[in-house]
C-alpha atoms as a PDB file:
ATOM      1  CA  MET A   1     -83.934 115.320 -28.970  1.00  0.00           C
ATOM      2  CA  ASP A   2     -80.619 116.390 -28.007  1.00  0.00           C
ATOM      3  CA  VAL A   3     -76.980 114.776 -28.980  1.00  0.00           C
ATOM      4  CA  LEU A   4     -76.872 113.206 -25.692  1.00  0.00           C
ATOM      5  CA  SER A   5     -79.902 111.518 -25.730  1.00  0.00           C
ATOM      6  CA  TRP A   6     -79.239 110.071 -29.208  1.00  0.00           C
ATOM      7  CA  ILE A   7     -75.915 108.645 -27.646  1.00  0.00           C
ATOM      8  CA  VAL A   8     -77.884 106.921 -24.780  1.00  0.00           C
ATOM      9  CA  LEU A   9     -80.557 105.714 -27.197  1.00  0.00           C
ATOM     10  CA  GLY A  10     -77.730 104.499 -29.449  1.00  0.00           C
ATOM     11  CA  PHE A  11     -75.897 102.735 -27.108  1.00  0.00           C
ATOM     12  CA  LEU A  12     -79.035 100.965 -25.612  1.00  0.00           C
ATOM     13  CA  SER A  13     -80.193 100.179 -29.393  1.00  0.00           C
ATOM     14  CA  GLY A  14     -76.783  98.788 -30.037  1.00  0.00           C
ATOM     15  CA  LEU A  15     -77.175  96.535 -26.896  1.00  0.00           C
ATOM     16  CA  LEU A  16     -80.338  95.379 -27.754  1.00  0.00           C
ATOM     17  CA  ALA A  17     -79.311  94.603 -31.314  1.00  0.00           C
ATOM     18  CA  LYS A  18     -76.604  92.431 -29.964  1.00  0.00           C
ATOM     19  CA  LEU A  19     -78.813  90.616 -27.857  1.00  0.00           C
ATOM     20  CA  ILE A  20     -81.191  90.071 -30.915  1.00  0.00           C
ATOM     21  CA  MET A  21     -78.220  89.105 -32.984  1.00  0.00           C
ATOM     22  CA  PRO A  22     -75.811  87.214 -30.842  1.00  0.00           C
ATOM     23  CA  GLY A  23     -72.632  85.990 -32.062  1.00  0.00           C
ATOM     24  CA  LYS A  24     -69.018  86.710 -32.296  1.00  0.00           C
ATOM     25  CA  ASP A  25     -68.176  90.132 -33.797  1.00  0.00           C
ATOM     26  CA  PRO A  26     -64.977  91.332 -35.016  1.00  0.00           C
ATOM     27  CA  GLY A  27     -65.097  94.394 -32.679  1.00  0.00           C
ATOM     28  CA  GLY A  28     -66.129  94.594 -29.226  1.00  0.00           C
ATOM     29  CA  PHE A  29     -68.075  96.779 -26.944  1.00  0.00           C
ATOM     30  CA  ILE A  30     -66.964 100.087 -28.357  1.00  0.00           C
ATOM     31  CA  ILE A  31     -67.847  99.008 -31.972  1.00  0.00           C
ATOM     32  CA  THR A  32     -71.019  97.736 -31.125  1.00  0.00           C
ATOM     33  CA  THR A  33     -71.881 100.987 -29.043  1.00  0.00           C
ATOM     34  CA  LEU A  34     -70.889 103.090 -32.240  1.00  0.00           C
ATOM     35  CA  LEU A  35     -72.793 100.868 -34.598  1.00  0.00           C
ATOM     36  CA  GLY A  36     -75.826 101.582 -32.124  1.00  0.00           C
ATOM     37  CA  ILE A  37     -75.547 105.099 -32.270  1.00  0.00           C
ATOM     38  CA  ALA A  38     -75.055 105.228 -36.128  1.00  0.00           C
ATOM     39  CA  GLY A  39     -77.926 102.525 -36.187  1.00  0.00           C
ATOM     40  CA  ALA A  40     -80.200 105.194 -34.130  1.00  0.00           C
ATOM     41  CA  LEU A  41     -79.301 107.990 -36.095  1.00  0.00           C
ATOM     42  CA  VAL A  42     -79.952 106.118 -39.555  1.00  0.00           C
ATOM     43  CA  GLY A  43     -83.044 104.376 -38.238  1.00  0.00           C
ATOM     44  CA  GLY A  44     -84.394 107.743 -36.606  1.00  0.00           C
ATOM     45  CA  PHE A  45     -83.991 109.566 -40.147  1.00  0.00           C
ATOM     46  CA  LEU A  46     -85.376 106.667 -42.371  1.00  0.00           C
ATOM     47  CA  GLY A  47     -88.243 106.156 -40.048  1.00  0.00           C
ATOM     48  CA  SER A  48     -88.902 109.925 -40.373  1.00  0.00           C
ATOM     49  CA  LEU A  49     -88.855 109.847 -44.003  1.00  0.00           C
ATOM     50  CA  VAL A  50     -91.318 106.985 -44.174  1.00  0.00           C
ATOM     51  CA  GLY A  51     -93.844 108.658 -41.488  1.00  0.00           C
ATOM     52  CA  LEU A  52     -92.906 106.405 -38.665  1.00  0.00           C
ATOM     53  CA  GLY A  53     -92.561 109.555 -36.228  1.00  0.00           C
ATOM     54  CA  THR A  54     -90.299 112.304 -35.750  1.00  0.00           C
ATOM     55  CA  THR A  55     -86.897 112.111 -34.521  1.00  0.00           C
ATOM     56  CA  GLY A  56     -87.454 114.602 -31.855  1.00  0.00           C
ATOM     57  CA  SER A  57     -88.941 112.689 -29.145  1.00  0.00           C
ATOM     58  CA  LEU A  58     -88.045 109.454 -27.350  1.00  0.00           C
ATOM     59  CA  ASN A  59     -90.978 107.151 -27.752  1.00  0.00           C
ATOM     60  CA  PHE A  60     -91.488 103.399 -28.496  1.00  0.00           C
ATOM     61  CA  GLY A  61     -91.405 104.208 -32.229  1.00  0.00           C
ATOM     62  CA  SER A  62     -87.984 105.924 -32.029  1.00  0.00           C
ATOM     63  CA  VAL A  63     -86.516 102.890 -30.034  1.00  0.00           C
ATOM     64  CA  LEU A  64     -87.986 100.301 -32.685  1.00  0.00           C
ATOM     65  CA  THR A  65     -86.259 102.306 -35.581  1.00  0.00           C
ATOM     66  CA  ALA A  66     -82.945 102.731 -33.698  1.00  0.00           C
ATOM     67  CA  VAL A  67     -82.719  99.230 -32.832  1.00  0.00           C
ATOM     68  CA  ALA A  68     -83.813  98.213 -36.656  1.00  0.00           C
ATOM     69  CA  GLY A  69     -81.016 100.539 -37.713  1.00  0.00           C
ATOM     70  CA  ALA A  70     -78.489  98.786 -35.252  1.00  0.00           C
ATOM     71  CA  LEU A  71     -79.381  95.582 -36.524  1.00  0.00           C
ATOM     72  CA  VAL A  72     -79.066  96.386 -40.248  1.00  0.00           C
ATOM     73  CA  LEU A  73     -75.548  97.854 -39.559  1.00  0.00           C
ATOM     74  CA  LEU A  74     -74.312  95.158 -37.074  1.00  0.00           C
ATOM     75  CA  TYR A  75     -75.373  92.735 -39.961  1.00  0.00           C
ATOM     76  CA  LEU A  76     -73.636  94.677 -42.730  1.00  0.00           C
ATOM     77  CA  TYR A  77     -70.622  95.040 -40.638  1.00  0.00           C
ATOM     78  CA  ARG A  78     -70.259  91.379 -39.920  1.00  0.00           C
ATOM     79  CA  LYS A  79     -70.691  90.662 -43.440  1.00  0.00           C
ATOM     80  CA  ILE A  80     -67.881  92.969 -44.380  1.00  0.00           C
ATOM     81  CA  LYS A  81     -65.437  91.761 -41.785  1.00  0.00           C
ATOM     82  CA  SER A  82     -66.105  88.004 -42.383  1.00  0.00           C
END
């Protein structure tokens, strides 16, 4: 997957993470997007390490790992900022 695809996937996973874990965030839209992109990268990397698939294609597994990564980063960000 190219970089633009990861950015779009990260943006979407950040929005999904925000919908799954609502609440007041110290950051705004940009922070949520950046956390989503970072979560997509981290989730995709960790998912490929444990055998959940490769990071080279856009499929259901990669979306799930990206959202899971974004949820973890959003949770950690909230704990650090509060």
